[in-house]
C-alpha atoms as a PDB file:
ATOM      1  CA  UNK A   1     -10.042  10.014 -18.042  1.00  0.00           C
ATOM      2  CA  UNK A   2     -11.646  11.672 -15.002  1.00  0.00           C
ATOM      3  CA  UNK A   3     -13.203   8.446 -13.716  1.00  0.00           C
ATOM      4  CA  UNK A   4     -10.096   6.253 -13.995  1.00  0.00           C
ATOM      5  CA  UNK A   5      -8.613   5.113 -10.684  1.00  0.00           C
ATOM      6  CA  UNK A   6      -6.235   2.365  -9.596  1.00  0.00           C
ATOM      7  CA  UNK A   7      -6.022   0.485  -6.320  1.00  0.00           C
ATOM      8  CA  UNK A   8      -3.001  -0.451  -4.287  1.00  0.00           C
ATOM      9  CA  UNK A   9      -3.961  -4.026  -3.455  1.00  0.00           C
ATOM     10  CA  UNK A  10      -1.454  -6.886  -3.390  1.00  0.00           C
ATOM     11  CA  UNK A  11       1.554  -4.575  -3.348  1.00  0.00           C
ATOM     12  CA  UNK A  12       3.311  -6.159  -0.368  1.00  0.00           C
ATOM     13  CA  UNK A  13       4.173  -9.337  -2.278  1.00  0.00           C
ATOM     14  CA  UNK A  14       7.780 -10.113  -3.213  1.00  0.00           C
ATOM     15  CA  UNK A  15       7.404  -9.213  -6.875  1.00  0.00           C
ATOM     16  CA  UNK A  16       5.471  -5.902  -6.674  1.00  0.00           C
ATOM     17  CA  UNK A  17       7.910  -3.407  -5.164  1.00  0.00           C
ATOM     18  CA  UNK A  18       8.657  -2.016  -8.634  1.00  0.00           C
ATOM     19  CA  UNK A  19       4.963  -1.230  -9.163  1.00  0.00           C
ATOM     20  CA  UNK A  20       4.744   0.721  -5.909  1.00  0.00           C
ATOM     21  CA  UNK A  21       7.300   3.263  -7.109  1.00  0.00           C
ATOM     22  CA  UNK A  22       5.024   4.144 -10.046  1.00  0.00           C
ATOM     23  CA  UNK A  23       2.079   4.775  -7.724  1.00  0.00           C
ATOM     24  CA  UNK A  24       3.832   7.061  -5.220  1.00  0.00           C
ATOM     25  CA  UNK A  25       4.217  10.354  -7.150  1.00  0.00           C
ATOM     26  CA  UNK A  26       1.626  12.867  -5.947  1.00  0.00           C
ATOM     27  CA  UNK A  27      -0.001  13.264  -9.385  1.00  0.00           C
ATOM     28  CA  UNK A  28      -0.540   9.485  -9.543  1.00  0.00           C
ATOM     29  CA  UNK A  29      -1.570   9.053  -5.899  1.00  0.00           C
ATOM     30  CA  UNK A  30      -4.486  11.391  -6.559  1.00  0.00           C
ATOM     31  CA  UNK A  31      -5.942   8.515  -8.583  1.00  0.00           C
ATOM     32  CA  UNK A  32      -5.086   5.642  -6.194  1.00  0.00           C
ATOM     33  CA  UNK A  33      -7.587   4.012  -3.864  1.00  0.00           C
ATOM     34  CA  UNK A  34      -6.791   1.683  -1.018  1.00  0.00           C
ATOM     35  CA  UNK A  35      -7.336  -1.951  -1.838  1.00  0.00           C
ATOM     36  CA  UNK A  36      -6.979  -4.512   0.901  1.00  0.00           C
ATOM     37  CA  UNK A  37      -4.480  -7.266   0.261  1.00  0.00           C
ATOM     38  CA  UNK A  38      -6.593  -9.745   2.208  1.00  0.00           C
ATOM     39  CA  UNK A  39      -6.476 -12.741   1.764  1.00  0.00           C
ATOM     40  CA  UNK A  40      -3.086 -12.296   0.069  1.00  0.00           C
ATOM     41  CA  UNK A  41      -0.519 -12.654   2.861  1.00  0.00           C
ATOM     42  CA  UNK A  42       0.865  -9.294   3.935  1.00  0.00           C
ATOM     43  CA  UNK A  43       4.586 -10.052   4.072  1.00  0.00           C
ATOM     44  CA  UNK A  44       6.688  -6.903   4.436  1.00  0.00           C
ATOM     45  CA  UNK A  45       9.856  -8.469   3.064  1.00  0.00           C
ATOM     46  CA  UNK A  46       8.937  -7.718  -0.552  1.00  0.00           C
ATOM     47  CA  UNK A  47       8.857  -3.968   0.131  1.00  0.00           C
ATOM     48  CA  UNK A  48      12.026  -4.344   2.242  1.00  0.00           C
ATOM     49  CA  UNK A  49      13.988  -6.081  -0.539  1.00  0.00           C
ATOM     50  CA  UNK A  50      12.811  -3.377  -2.934  1.00  0.00           C
ATOM     51  CA  UNK A  51      14.099  -0.641  -0.633  1.00  0.00           C
ATOM     52  CA  UNK A  52      10.636   0.672   0.262  1.00  0.00           C
ATOM     53  CA  UNK A  53      10.898  -0.267   3.953  1.00  0.00           C
ATOM     54  CA  UNK A  54      13.731  -0.427   6.413  1.00  0.00           C
ATOM     55  CA  UNK A  55      14.482  -3.731   8.090  1.00  0.00           C
ATOM     56  CA  UNK A  56      13.256  -2.439  11.458  1.00  0.00           C
ATOM     57  CA  UNK A  57       9.926  -1.445   9.924  1.00  0.00           C
ATOM     58  CA  UNK A  58       9.594  -4.823   8.217  1.00  0.00           C
ATOM     59  CA  UNK A  59      10.120  -6.640  11.523  1.00  0.00           C
ATOM     60  CA  UNK A  60       7.708  -4.334  13.341  1.00  0.00           C
ATOM     61  CA  UNK A  61       5.046  -4.981  10.696  1.00  0.00           C
ATOM     62  CA  UNK A  62       5.447  -8.728  11.074  1.00  0.00           C
ATOM     63  CA  UNK A  63       4.412  -8.382  14.715  1.00  0.00           C
ATOM     64  CA  UNK A  64       0.995  -6.896  13.833  1.00  0.00           C
ATOM     65  CA  UNK A  65      -1.484  -9.760  14.171  1.00  0.00           C
ATOM     66  CA  UNK A  66      -4.415  -8.189  12.309  1.00  0.00           C
ATOM     67  CA  UNK A  67      -3.730  -8.616   8.563  1.00  0.00           C
ATOM     68  CA  UNK A  68      -5.811  -5.555   7.599  1.00  0.00           C
ATOM     69  CA  UNK A  69      -3.941  -3.351  10.083  1.00  0.00           C
ATOM     70  CA  UNK A  70      -0.608  -4.783   8.879  1.00  0.00           C
ATOM     71  CA  UNK A  71      -1.584  -3.979   5.281  1.00  0.00           C
ATOM     72  CA  UNK A  72      -2.558  -0.402   6.179  1.00  0.00           C
ATOM     73  CA  UNK A  73       0.599   0.213   8.194  1.00  0.00           C
ATOM     74  CA  UNK A  74       2.824  -1.249   5.464  1.00  0.00           C
ATOM     75  CA  UNK A  75       1.312   0.982   2.807  1.00  0.00           C
ATOM     76  CA  UNK A  76       1.635   4.071   5.012  1.00  0.00           C
ATOM     77  CA  UNK A  77       5.310   3.258   5.574  1.00  0.00           C
ATOM     78  CA  UNK A  78       5.812   2.730   1.824  1.00  0.00           C
ATOM     79  CA  UNK A  79       4.578   6.267   1.212  1.00  0.00           C
ATOM     80  CA  UNK A  80       0.857   6.155   0.465  1.00  0.00           C
ATOM     81  CA  UNK A  81      -0.927   9.276   1.713  1.00  0.00           C
ATOM     82  CA  UNK A  82      -3.885   9.431   4.103  1.00  0.00           C
ATOM     83  CA  UNK A  83      -6.110  10.372   1.140  1.00  0.00           C
ATOM     84  CA  UNK A  84      -5.446   6.977  -0.428  1.00  0.00           C
ATOM     85  CA  UNK A  85      -7.326   5.339   2.440  1.00  0.00           C
ATOM     86  CA  UNK A  86     -10.282   7.729   2.536  1.00  0.00           C
ATOM     87  CA  UNK A  87     -10.793   8.739  -1.103  1.00  0.00           C
ATOM     88  CA  UNK A  88     -13.410   6.066  -1.821  1.00  0.00           C
ATOM     89  CA  UNK A  89     -15.892   7.743   0.537  1.00  0.00           C
ATOM     90  CA  UNK A  90     -15.791  10.982  -1.443  1.00  0.00           C
ATOM     91  CA  UNK A  91     -16.194   9.128  -4.742  1.00  0.00           C
ATOM     92  CA  UNK A  92     -19.269   7.296  -3.489  1.00  0.00           C
ATOM     93  CA  UNK A  93     -20.734  10.303  -1.655  1.00  0.00           C
END
């Protein structure tokens, strides 16, 4: 399925930390695109309770006022690669 991709939107919610673990292996991440969580609230305590973020990181993320920046930073800390956030451009190009 060469044209099958997934996105990583809405993964900072309390009930999605189990899903994140399935998207992090390199062979899977090659097929993952960034999807903004907006307008879903970006609350880092779901990833924290799932062991994907440390408590210090979760508190630091809470302090980021811009929800799109908070979403990006949370996903980087959870382990999504830079390519996840730029892959769409190459697919459309």
